[in-house]
Amino acid sequence: MSESSVVQWRARMPAAFGPGPVRLVLRGLGITLFIVWLFGTLWYFDFSPTRLWNGLSGLGKILVLMIPPSPGELWVEILKGLAESVAMAFLGTFMAAIVAVPLGFMGARNVVTTTLLRFSLRRVFDGMRGVDQLIWALAFVRAVGLGPLAGVLAIFVSDIAVLSKLYAEAIENAEKRQAEGVTAAGGGRLLGIRFGLLPQVAPVMLAQALYFFESNTRSASILGVVGAGGIGLQIAERIRVRHWDEVAFIIILMIITVAAIDWISGRIRRRWQDKTGR
């Protein structure tokens, strides 16, 4: 076989045995495995159209019983529980946001240059974020007893790690030139962080804290179910006795409360932007 024939044969090899057919085989194998996994999961969860239809029918009956919503006779307890939930969310988020600011700077790559310290702190954040807020609530209910205090501590501990991570990422993405300018003018490293980095990331920190306050207001209803205070206890009691009209009234109140918090948060952010120009 001549040299030119060998070159032509090698040039035709990728077309016949190249990555194209291999890619098709791998793609088909992946699709097959996904289908097998999907149907296997549905079978394991005992999914069936009949069961789904029965569930939707039961849900429809519950929705009918919710109309019209009614505050019931214990509407004062409902308002008290809602106020507790908002207070729990505010206190837990506020304390977590305050503590997360220095932790965020300690976890930022452009502030703490010691790799071991920064890496260890980030792993602590990951470990704390791996525990759900409801688990923290159960632990604090066991530790301090029933009531809003357990809910506040659960929100505080669970939000510290998440906010610290978000703050650290915001600090790492900030412009370096402002801090370098303050340092070059003889301000020192701490002043560079105070006047160079903090003004840049403060709006982001505020927006994230306000969002977490809104989110925790919704989460506080779940914490109350396990005994951590708030409106969740009122919801659980009414579901237990099948007072669905009162459950609907509580849900409407929660929607109005979250909408009001969102509106107030938007006003605060706009005022901050108008004042600082950021």
C-alpha atoms as a PDB file:
ATOM      1  CA  MET A   1       0.000   0.000   0.000  1.00  0.00           C
ATOM      2  CA  SER A   2       1.421   3.339  -1.050  1.00  0.00           C
ATOM      3  CA  GLU A   3       1.961   6.209   1.326  1.00  0.00           C
ATOM      4  CA  SER A   4      -0.771   8.281  -0.320  1.00  0.00           C
ATOM      5  CA  SER A   5      -3.269   5.424   0.152  1.00  0.00           C
ATOM      6  CA  VAL A   6      -2.398   5.166   3.833  1.00  0.00           C
ATOM      7  CA  VAL A   7      -2.948   8.929   4.268  1.00  0.00           C
ATOM      8  CA  GLN A   8      -6.325   8.746   2.526  1.00  0.00           C
ATOM      9  CA  TRP A   9      -7.359   5.737   4.650  1.00  0.00           C
ATOM     10  CA  ARG A  10      -6.462   7.560   7.866  1.00  0.00           C
ATOM     11  CA  ALA A  11      -8.384  10.608   6.673  1.00  0.00           C
ATOM     12  CA  ARG A  12     -11.493   8.483   6.171  1.00  0.00           C
ATOM     13  CA  MET A  13     -11.219   6.824   9.588  1.00  0.00           C
ATOM     14  CA  PRO A  14     -12.763   9.679  11.653  1.00  0.00           C
ATOM     15  CA  ALA A  15     -15.756   9.767   9.344  1.00  0.00           C
ATOM     16  CA  ALA A  16     -16.473   6.077   9.916  1.00  0.00           C
ATOM     17  CA  PHE A  17     -15.287   5.524  13.464  1.00  0.00           C
ATOM     18  CA  GLY A  18     -14.796   9.085  14.766  1.00  0.00           C
ATOM     19  CA  PRO A  19     -16.519  10.985  17.526  1.00  0.00           C
ATOM     20  CA  GLY A  20     -19.785  11.358  15.591  1.00  0.00           C
ATOM     21  CA  PRO A  21     -21.110   7.794  16.041  1.00  0.00           C
ATOM     22  CA  VAL A  22     -19.623   7.557  19.520  1.00  0.00           C
ATOM     23  CA  ARG A  23     -21.404  10.754  20.497  1.00  0.00           C
ATOM     24  CA  LEU A  24     -24.696   9.406  19.158  1.00  0.00           C
ATOM     25  CA  VAL A  25     -24.276   6.158  21.089  1.00  0.00           C
ATOM     26  CA  LEU A  26     -23.459   8.007  24.317  1.00  0.00           C
ATOM     27  CA  ARG A  27     -26.376  10.367  23.810  1.00  0.00           C
ATOM     28  CA  GLY A  28     -28.751   7.459  23.228  1.00  0.00           C
ATOM     29  CA  LEU A  29     -27.383   5.673  26.296  1.00  0.00           C
ATOM     30  CA  GLY A  30     -27.862   8.809  28.387  1.00  0.00           C
ATOM     31  CA  ILE A  31     -31.454   9.251  27.205  1.00  0.00           C
ATOM     32  CA  THR A  32     -32.191   5.590  27.912  1.00  0.00           C
ATOM     33  CA  LEU A  33     -30.760   5.808  31.422  1.00  0.00           C
ATOM     34  CA  PHE A  34     -32.768   8.971  32.091  1.00  0.00           C
ATOM     35  CA  ILE A  35     -36.001   7.302  30.968  1.00  0.00           C
ATOM     36  CA  VAL A  36     -35.274   4.237  33.094  1.00  0.00           C
ATOM     37  CA  TRP A  37     -34.501   6.466  36.103  1.00  0.00           C
ATOM     38  CA  LEU A  38     -37.661   8.529  35.566  1.00  0.00           C
ATOM     39  CA  PHE A  39     -40.030   5.566  35.352  1.00  0.00           C
ATOM     40  CA  GLY A  40     -38.203   3.795  38.172  1.00  0.00           C
ATOM     41  CA  THR A  41     -38.652   6.846  40.409  1.00  0.00           C
ATOM     42  CA  LEU A  42     -42.344   7.104  39.538  1.00  0.00           C
ATOM     43  CA  TRP A  43     -42.803   3.423  40.297  1.00  0.00           C
ATOM     44  CA  TYR A  44     -40.940   3.739  43.604  1.00  0.00           C
ATOM     45  CA  PHE A  45     -43.148   6.669  44.647  1.00  0.00           C
ATOM     46  CA  ASP A  46     -46.236   4.649  43.715  1.00  0.00           C
ATOM     47  CA  PHE A  47     -47.328   7.185  41.116  1.00  0.00           C
ATOM     48  CA  SER A  48     -50.473   6.433  39.183  1.00  0.00           C
ATOM     49  CA  PRO A  49     -53.044   8.559  37.302  1.00  0.00           C
ATOM     50  CA  THR A  50     -55.786   7.295  39.624  1.00  0.00           C
ATOM     51  CA  ARG A  51     -53.922   8.359  42.731  1.00  0.00           C
ATOM     52  CA  LEU A  52     -53.119  11.739  41.197  1.00  0.00           C
ATOM     53  CA  TRP A  53     -56.756  12.282  40.222  1.00  0.00           C
ATOM     54  CA  ASN A  54     -57.963  11.363  43.705  1.00  0.00           C
ATOM     55  CA  GLY A  55     -55.469  13.787  45.227  1.00  0.00           C
ATOM     56  CA  LEU A  56     -56.542  16.630  42.964  1.00  0.00           C
ATOM     57  CA  SER A  57     -60.192  15.866  43.724  1.00  0.00           C
ATOM     58  CA  GLY A  58     -59.472  16.068  47.462  1.00  0.00           C
ATOM     59  CA  LEU A  59     -57.613  19.338  46.956  1.00  0.00           C
ATOM     60  CA  GLY A  60     -60.571  20.718  45.036  1.00  0.00           C
ATOM     61  CA  LYS A  61     -62.897  19.882  47.939  1.00  0.00           C
ATOM     62  CA  ILE A  62     -60.578  21.689  50.352  1.00  0.00           C
ATOM     63  CA  LEU A  63     -60.520  24.766  48.124  1.00  0.00           C
ATOM     64  CA  VAL A  64     -64.318  24.773  48.050  1.00  0.00           C
ATOM     65  CA  LEU A  65     -64.397  24.644  51.875  1.00  0.00           C
ATOM     66  CA  MET A  66     -62.064  27.662  52.001  1.00  0.00           C
ATOM     67  CA  ILE A  67     -64.680  29.874  50.364  1.00  0.00           C
ATOM     68  CA  PRO A  68     -65.581  32.300  51.792  1.00  0.00           C
ATOM     69  CA  PRO A  69     -62.591  32.993  54.074  1.00  0.00           C
ATOM     70  CA  SER A  70     -63.533  33.696  57.672  1.00  0.00           C
ATOM     71  CA  PRO A  71     -61.499  35.060  60.609  1.00  0.00           C
ATOM     72  CA  GLY A  72     -63.472  32.930  63.050  1.00  0.00           C
ATOM     73  CA  GLU A  73     -63.971  33.760  66.687  1.00  0.00           C
ATOM     74  CA  LEU A  74     -60.285  33.761  67.639  1.00  0.00           C
ATOM     75  CA  TRP A  75     -59.197  36.394  65.110  1.00  0.00           C
ATOM     76  CA  VAL A  76     -57.208  38.226  67.795  1.00  0.00           C
ATOM     77  CA  GLU A  77     -55.007  35.136  68.209  1.00  0.00           C
ATOM     78  CA  ILE A  78     -54.493  35.077  64.438  1.00  0.00           C
ATOM     79  CA  LEU A  79     -53.303  38.690  64.406  1.00  0.00           C
ATOM     80  CA  LYS A  80     -51.066  38.011  67.391  1.00  0.00           C
ATOM     81  CA  GLY A  81     -49.520  35.009  65.658  1.00  0.00           C
ATOM     82  CA  LEU A  82     -48.946  37.022  62.476  1.00  0.00           C
ATOM     83  CA  ALA A  83     -47.275  39.798  64.461  1.00  0.00           C
ATOM     84  CA  GLU A  84     -45.059  37.197  66.149  1.00  0.00           C
ATOM     85  CA  SER A  85     -44.013  35.807  62.765  1.00  0.00           C
ATOM     86  CA  VAL A  86     -43.073  39.257  61.451  1.00  0.00           C
ATOM     87  CA  ALA A  87     -41.177  40.057  64.648  1.00  0.00           C
ATOM     88  CA  MET A  88     -39.346  36.720  64.520  1.00  0.00           C
ATOM     89  CA  ALA A  89     -38.358  37.279  60.900  1.00  0.00           C
ATOM     90  CA  PHE A  90     -37.189  40.837  61.545  1.00  0.00           C
ATOM     91  CA  LEU A  91     -35.139  40.079  64.661  1.00  0.00           C
ATOM     92  CA  GLY A  92     -33.554  36.927  63.226  1.00  0.00           C
ATOM     93  CA  THR A  93     -32.698  38.563  59.896  1.00  0.00           C
ATOM     94  CA  PHE A  94     -31.443  41.791  61.489  1.00  0.00           C
ATOM     95  CA  MET A  95     -29.083  40.000  63.877  1.00  0.00           C
ATOM     96  CA  ALA A  96     -27.874  37.658  61.127  1.00  0.00           C
ATOM     97  CA  ALA A  97     -27.203  40.576  58.755  1.00  0.00           C
ATOM     98  CA  ILE A  98     -25.196  42.433  61.414  1.00  0.00           C
ATOM     99  CA  VAL A  99     -23.058  39.412  62.290  1.00  0.00           C
ATOM    100  CA  ALA A 100     -22.650  38.437  58.621  1.00  0.00           C
ATOM    101  CA  VAL A 101     -20.965  41.726  57.681  1.00  0.00           C
ATOM    102  CA  PRO A 102     -17.619  41.073  59.449  1.00  0.00           C
ATOM    103  CA  LEU A 103     -17.816  37.377  58.594  1.00  0.00           C
ATOM    104  CA  GLY A 104     -18.338  38.275  54.950  1.00  0.00           C
ATOM    105  CA  PHE A 105     -15.212  40.440  54.947  1.00  0.00           C
ATOM    106  CA  MET A 106     -13.274  37.636  56.624  1.00  0.00           C
ATOM    107  CA  GLY A 107     -14.417  35.206  53.942  1.00  0.00           C
ATOM    108  CA  ALA A 108     -13.553  37.479  51.004  1.00  0.00           C
ATOM    109  CA  ARG A 109     -10.463  36.657  48.994  1.00  0.00           C
ATOM    110  CA  ASN A 110      -9.482  40.283  48.429  1.00  0.00           C
ATOM    111  CA  VAL A 111      -9.629  41.100  52.159  1.00  0.00           C
ATOM    112  CA  VAL A 112      -8.230  38.033  53.937  1.00  0.00           C
ATOM    113  CA  THR A 113      -5.215  36.751  52.050  1.00  0.00           C
ATOM    114  CA  THR A 114      -4.540  33.845  54.411  1.00  0.00           C
ATOM    115  CA  THR A 115      -5.835  30.880  52.442  1.00  0.00           C
ATOM    116  CA  LEU A 116      -6.163  28.512  55.404  1.00  0.00           C
ATOM    117  CA  LEU A 117      -8.263  30.957  57.445  1.00  0.00           C
ATOM    118  CA  ARG A 118     -10.494  31.885  54.527  1.00  0.00           C
ATOM    119  CA  PHE A 119     -10.933  28.264  53.422  1.00  0.00           C
ATOM    120  CA  SER A 120     -11.774  27.124  56.956  1.00  0.00           C
ATOM    121  CA  LEU A 121     -14.325  29.887  57.403  1.00  0.00           C
ATOM    122  CA  ARG A 122     -15.961  29.104  54.052  1.00  0.00           C
ATOM    123  CA  ARG A 123     -16.275  25.433  55.004  1.00  0.00           C
ATOM    124  CA  VAL A 124     -17.952  26.455  58.269  1.00  0.00           C
ATOM    125  CA  PHE A 125     -20.438  28.453  56.186  1.00  0.00           C
ATOM    126  CA  ASP A 126     -21.073  25.403  54.000  1.00  0.00           C
ATOM    127  CA  GLY A 127     -21.641  23.191  57.023  1.00  0.00           C
ATOM    128  CA  MET A 128     -24.129  25.591  58.583  1.00  0.00           C
ATOM    129  CA  ARG A 129     -25.962  26.067  55.283  1.00  0.00           C
ATOM    130  CA  GLY A 130     -26.289  22.304  55.008  1.00  0.00           C
ATOM    131  CA  VAL A 131     -28.653  22.272  57.997  1.00  0.00           C
ATOM    132  CA  ASP A 132     -32.163  23.372  57.095  1.00  0.00           C
ATOM    133  CA  GLN A 133     -33.879  26.133  59.020  1.00  0.00           C
ATOM    134  CA  LEU A 134     -36.563  23.727  60.207  1.00  0.00           C
ATOM    135  CA  ILE A 135     -33.897  21.466  61.749  1.00  0.00           C
ATOM    136  CA  TRP A 136     -32.449  24.450  63.604  1.00  0.00           C
ATOM    137  CA  ALA A 137     -35.956  25.264  64.865  1.00  0.00           C
ATOM    138  CA  LEU A 138     -36.428  21.735  66.200  1.00  0.00           C
ATOM    139  CA  ALA A 139     -33.046  21.909  67.933  1.00  0.00           C
ATOM    140  CA  PHE A 140     -33.755  25.287  69.556  1.00  0.00           C
ATOM    141  CA  VAL A 141     -37.261  24.225  70.606  1.00  0.00           C
ATOM    142  CA  ARG A 142     -35.572  21.373  72.436  1.00  0.00           C
ATOM    143  CA  ALA A 143     -32.949  23.726  73.881  1.00  0.00           C
ATOM    144  CA  VAL A 144     -34.926  26.814  74.938  1.00  0.00           C
ATOM    145  CA  GLY A 145     -38.489  25.520  74.866  1.00  0.00           C
ATOM    146  CA  LEU A 146     -41.560  26.407  72.844  1.00  0.00           C
ATOM    147  CA  GLY A 147     -42.138  29.964  71.713  1.00  0.00           C
ATOM    148  CA  PRO A 148     -40.874  32.721  69.407  1.00  0.00           C
ATOM    149  CA  LEU A 149     -37.362  32.705  70.898  1.00  0.00           C
ATOM    150  CA  ALA A 150     -36.645  29.343  69.279  1.00  0.00           C
ATOM    151  CA  GLY A 151     -37.844  30.724  65.938  1.00  0.00           C
ATOM    152  CA  VAL A 152     -35.677  33.827  66.196  1.00  0.00           C
ATOM    153  CA  LEU A 153     -32.585  31.751  66.997  1.00  0.00           C
ATOM    154  CA  ALA A 154     -33.337  29.324  64.141  1.00  0.00           C
ATOM    155  CA  ILE A 155     -33.620  32.163  61.618  1.00  0.00           C
ATOM    156  CA  PHE A 156     -30.523  33.858  63.052  1.00  0.00           C
ATOM    157  CA  VAL A 157     -28.268  30.802  62.856  1.00  0.00           C
ATOM    158  CA  SER A 158     -29.481  29.583  59.467  1.00  0.00           C
ATOM    159  CA  ASP A 159     -29.170  33.029  57.839  1.00  0.00           C
ATOM    160  CA  ILE A 160     -25.698  33.828  59.157  1.00  0.00           C
ATOM    161  CA  ALA A 161     -23.982  31.323  56.870  1.00  0.00           C
ATOM    162  CA  VAL A 162     -25.979  32.222  53.751  1.00  0.00           C
ATOM    163  CA  LEU A 163     -25.652  35.982  54.181  1.00  0.00           C
ATOM    164  CA  SER A 164     -21.948  35.675  55.012  1.00  0.00           C
ATOM    165  CA  LYS A 165     -21.362  33.756  51.789  1.00  0.00           C
ATOM    166  CA  LEU A 166     -23.370  36.248  49.727  1.00  0.00           C
ATOM    167  CA  TYR A 167     -21.611  39.204  51.345  1.00  0.00           C
ATOM    168  CA  ALA A 168     -18.200  37.624  50.729  1.00  0.00           C
ATOM    169  CA  GLU A 169     -18.992  37.124  47.048  1.00  0.00           C
ATOM    170  CA  ALA A 170     -20.209  40.718  46.743  1.00  0.00           C
ATOM    171  CA  ILE A 171     -16.998  41.985  48.358  1.00  0.00           C
ATOM    172  CA  GLU A 172     -14.856  39.879  46.035  1.00  0.00           C
ATOM    173  CA  ASN A 173     -16.662  41.345  42.999  1.00  0.00           C
ATOM    174  CA  ALA A 174     -16.200  44.948  44.143  1.00  0.00           C
ATOM    175  CA  GLU A 175     -13.850  47.296  42.307  1.00  0.00           C
ATOM    176  CA  LYS A 176     -10.344  47.293  43.744  1.00  0.00           C
ATOM    177  CA  ARG A 177      -9.332  50.732  42.521  1.00  0.00           C
ATOM    178  CA  GLN A 178     -11.284  52.661  45.131  1.00  0.00           C
ATOM    179  CA  ALA A 179      -9.722  50.748  48.026  1.00  0.00           C
ATOM    180  CA  GLU A 180      -6.304  51.017  46.398  1.00  0.00           C
ATOM    181  CA  GLY A 181      -6.799  54.780  46.040  1.00  0.00           C
ATOM    182  CA  VAL A 182      -7.590  55.173  49.731  1.00  0.00           C
ATOM    183  CA  THR A 183      -4.579  53.046  50.648  1.00  0.00           C
ATOM    184  CA  ALA A 184      -2.298  54.945  48.274  1.00  0.00           C
ATOM    185  CA  ALA A 185      -3.366  58.218  49.903  1.00  0.00           C
ATOM    186  CA  GLY A 186      -2.051  56.885  53.213  1.00  0.00           C
ATOM    187  CA  GLY A 187      -5.343  55.740  54.659  1.00  0.00           C
ATOM    188  CA  GLY A 188      -4.238  52.257  55.635  1.00  0.00           C
ATOM    189  CA  ARG A 189      -5.863  48.903  54.942  1.00  0.00           C
ATOM    190  CA  LEU A 190      -8.799  49.268  57.353  1.00  0.00           C
ATOM    191  CA  LEU A 191      -9.689  52.685  55.968  1.00  0.00           C
ATOM    192  CA  GLY A 192      -9.423  51.267  52.468  1.00  0.00           C
ATOM    193  CA  ILE A 193     -11.989  48.619  53.397  1.00  0.00           C
ATOM    194  CA  ARG A 194     -14.206  51.171  55.161  1.00  0.00           C
ATOM    195  CA  PHE A 195     -14.217  53.856  52.440  1.00  0.00           C
ATOM    196  CA  GLY A 196     -13.248  51.807  49.392  1.00  0.00           C
ATOM    197  CA  LEU A 197     -15.118  48.488  49.641  1.00  0.00           C
ATOM    198  CA  LEU A 198     -17.967  49.006  52.088  1.00  0.00           C
ATOM    199  CA  PRO A 199     -19.717  51.829  50.154  1.00  0.00           C
ATOM    200  CA  GLN A 200     -19.754  49.605  47.061  1.00  0.00           C
ATOM    201  CA  VAL A 201     -21.211  46.518  48.698  1.00  0.00           C
ATOM    202  CA  ALA A 202     -23.532  48.217  51.213  1.00  0.00           C
ATOM    203  CA  PRO A 203     -26.454  48.487  48.720  1.00  0.00           C
ATOM    204  CA  VAL A 204     -26.068  44.814  47.832  1.00  0.00           C
ATOM    205  CA  MET A 205     -25.970  43.840  51.503  1.00  0.00           C
ATOM    206  CA  LEU A 206     -29.074  45.907  52.214  1.00  0.00           C
ATOM    207  CA  ALA A 207     -30.995  44.404  49.292  1.00  0.00           C
ATOM    208  CA  GLN A 208     -30.090  40.854  50.314  1.00  0.00           C
ATOM    209  CA  ALA A 209     -31.010  41.464  53.957  1.00  0.00           C
ATOM    210  CA  LEU A 210     -34.393  42.902  52.930  1.00  0.00           C
ATOM    211  CA  TYR A 211     -35.050  39.936  50.684  1.00  0.00           C
ATOM    212  CA  PHE A 212     -34.209  37.527  53.492  1.00  0.00           C
ATOM    213  CA  PHE A 213     -36.557  39.423  55.800  1.00  0.00           C
ATOM    214  CA  GLU A 214     -39.365  38.924  53.309  1.00  0.00           C
ATOM    215  CA  SER A 215     -38.477  35.256  52.800  1.00  0.00           C
ATOM    216  CA  ASN A 216     -38.184  34.592  56.528  1.00  0.00           C
ATOM    217  CA  THR A 217     -41.626  36.080  57.094  1.00  0.00           C
ATOM    218  CA  ARG A 218     -42.985  33.221  54.977  1.00  0.00           C
ATOM    219  CA  SER A 219     -40.661  30.675  56.598  1.00  0.00           C
ATOM    220  CA  ALA A 220     -41.761  31.713  60.081  1.00  0.00           C
ATOM    221  CA  SER A 221     -45.177  30.174  59.384  1.00  0.00           C
ATOM    222  CA  ILE A 222     -43.531  26.772  58.965  1.00  0.00           C
ATOM    223  CA  LEU A 223     -41.415  27.207  62.088  1.00  0.00           C
ATOM    224  CA  GLY A 224     -44.569  27.726  64.110  1.00  0.00           C
ATOM    225  CA  VAL A 225     -45.820  24.284  63.136  1.00  0.00           C
ATOM    226  CA  VAL A 226     -42.956  22.668  65.103  1.00  0.00           C
ATOM    227  CA  GLY A 227     -43.548  24.915  68.118  1.00  0.00           C
ATOM    228  CA  ALA A 228     -41.275  27.851  67.340  1.00  0.00           C
ATOM    229  CA  GLY A 229     -44.046  30.421  67.665  1.00  0.00           C
ATOM    230  CA  GLY A 230     -45.736  32.582  65.092  1.00  0.00           C
ATOM    231  CA  ILE A 231     -48.690  32.096  62.792  1.00  0.00           C
ATOM    232  CA  GLY A 232     -47.730  28.507  61.970  1.00  0.00           C
ATOM    233  CA  LEU A 233     -49.246  27.259  65.206  1.00  0.00           C
ATOM    234  CA  GLN A 234     -52.560  28.922  64.335  1.00  0.00           C
ATOM    235  CA  ILE A 235     -52.516  27.296  60.882  1.00  0.00           C
ATOM    236  CA  ALA A 236     -51.713  23.854  62.291  1.00  0.00           C
ATOM    237  CA  GLU A 237     -54.520  24.031  64.852  1.00  0.00           C
ATOM    238  CA  ARG A 238     -57.110  25.000  62.246  1.00  0.00           C
ATOM    239  CA  ILE A 239     -55.977  22.344  59.789  1.00  0.00           C
ATOM    240  CA  ARG A 240     -56.263  19.767  62.574  1.00  0.00           C
ATOM    241  CA  VAL A 241     -59.915  20.654  63.203  1.00  0.00           C
ATOM    242  CA  ARG A 242     -60.618  21.234  59.468  1.00  0.00           C
ATOM    243  CA  HIS A 243     -61.541  24.899  59.732  1.00  0.00           C
ATOM    244  CA  TRP A 244     -60.484  25.561  56.140  1.00  0.00           C
ATOM    245  CA  ASP A 245     -62.235  28.934  55.895  1.00  0.00           C
ATOM    246  CA  GLU A 246     -60.034  30.253  58.705  1.00  0.00           C
ATOM    247  CA  VAL A 247     -56.960  28.731  57.055  1.00  0.00           C
ATOM    248  CA  ALA A 248     -57.831  30.662  53.892  1.00  0.00           C
ATOM    249  CA  PHE A 249     -58.164  33.852  55.929  1.00  0.00           C
ATOM    250  CA  ILE A 250     -54.707  33.319  57.448  1.00  0.00           C
ATOM    251  CA  ILE A 251     -53.195  32.663  54.013  1.00  0.00           C
ATOM    252  CA  ILE A 252     -54.698  35.894  52.681  1.00  0.00           C
ATOM    253  CA  LEU A 253     -53.282  37.814  55.647  1.00  0.00           C
ATOM    254  CA  MET A 254     -49.843  36.323  55.000  1.00  0.00           C
ATOM    255  CA  ILE A 255     -49.979  37.301  51.323  1.00  0.00           C
ATOM    256  CA  ILE A 256     -50.953  40.864  52.236  1.00  0.00           C
ATOM    257  CA  THR A 257     -48.165  41.021  54.838  1.00  0.00           C
ATOM    258  CA  VAL A 258     -45.493  39.773  52.434  1.00  0.00           C
ATOM    259  CA  ALA A 259     -46.707  42.202  49.752  1.00  0.00           C
ATOM    260  CA  ALA A 260     -46.516  45.071  52.245  1.00  0.00           C
ATOM    261  CA  ILE A 261     -42.986  44.074  53.272  1.00  0.00           C
ATOM    262  CA  ASP A 262     -41.956  43.886  49.620  1.00  0.00           C
ATOM    263  CA  TRP A 263     -43.377  47.373  48.993  1.00  0.00           C
ATOM    264  CA  ILE A 264     -41.603  48.823  52.024  1.00  0.00           C
ATOM    265  CA  SER A 265     -38.344  47.115  50.997  1.00  0.00           C
ATOM    266  CA  GLY A 266     -38.599  48.648  47.541  1.00  0.00           C
ATOM    267  CA  ARG A 267     -39.124  52.100  49.038  1.00  0.00           C
ATOM    268  CA  ILE A 268     -36.092  51.670  51.304  1.00  0.00           C
ATOM    269  CA  ARG A 269     -33.880  50.556  48.425  1.00  0.00           C
ATOM    270  CA  ARG A 270     -34.993  53.499  46.245  1.00  0.00           C
ATOM    271  CA  ARG A 271     -34.400  55.958  49.065  1.00  0.00           C
ATOM    272  CA  TRP A 272     -30.922  54.500  49.556  1.00  0.00           C
ATOM    273  CA  GLN A 273     -30.178  54.806  45.839  1.00  0.00           C
ATOM    274  CA  ASP A 274     -31.410  58.398  45.744  1.00  0.00           C
ATOM    275  CA  LYS A 275     -29.316  59.276  48.778  1.00  0.00           C
ATOM    276  CA  THR A 276     -26.077  57.561  47.803  1.00  0.00           C
ATOM    277  CA  GLY A 277     -26.399  57.476  44.018  1.00  0.00           C
ATOM    278  CA  ARG A 278     -25.644  53.726  43.951  1.00  0.00           C
END
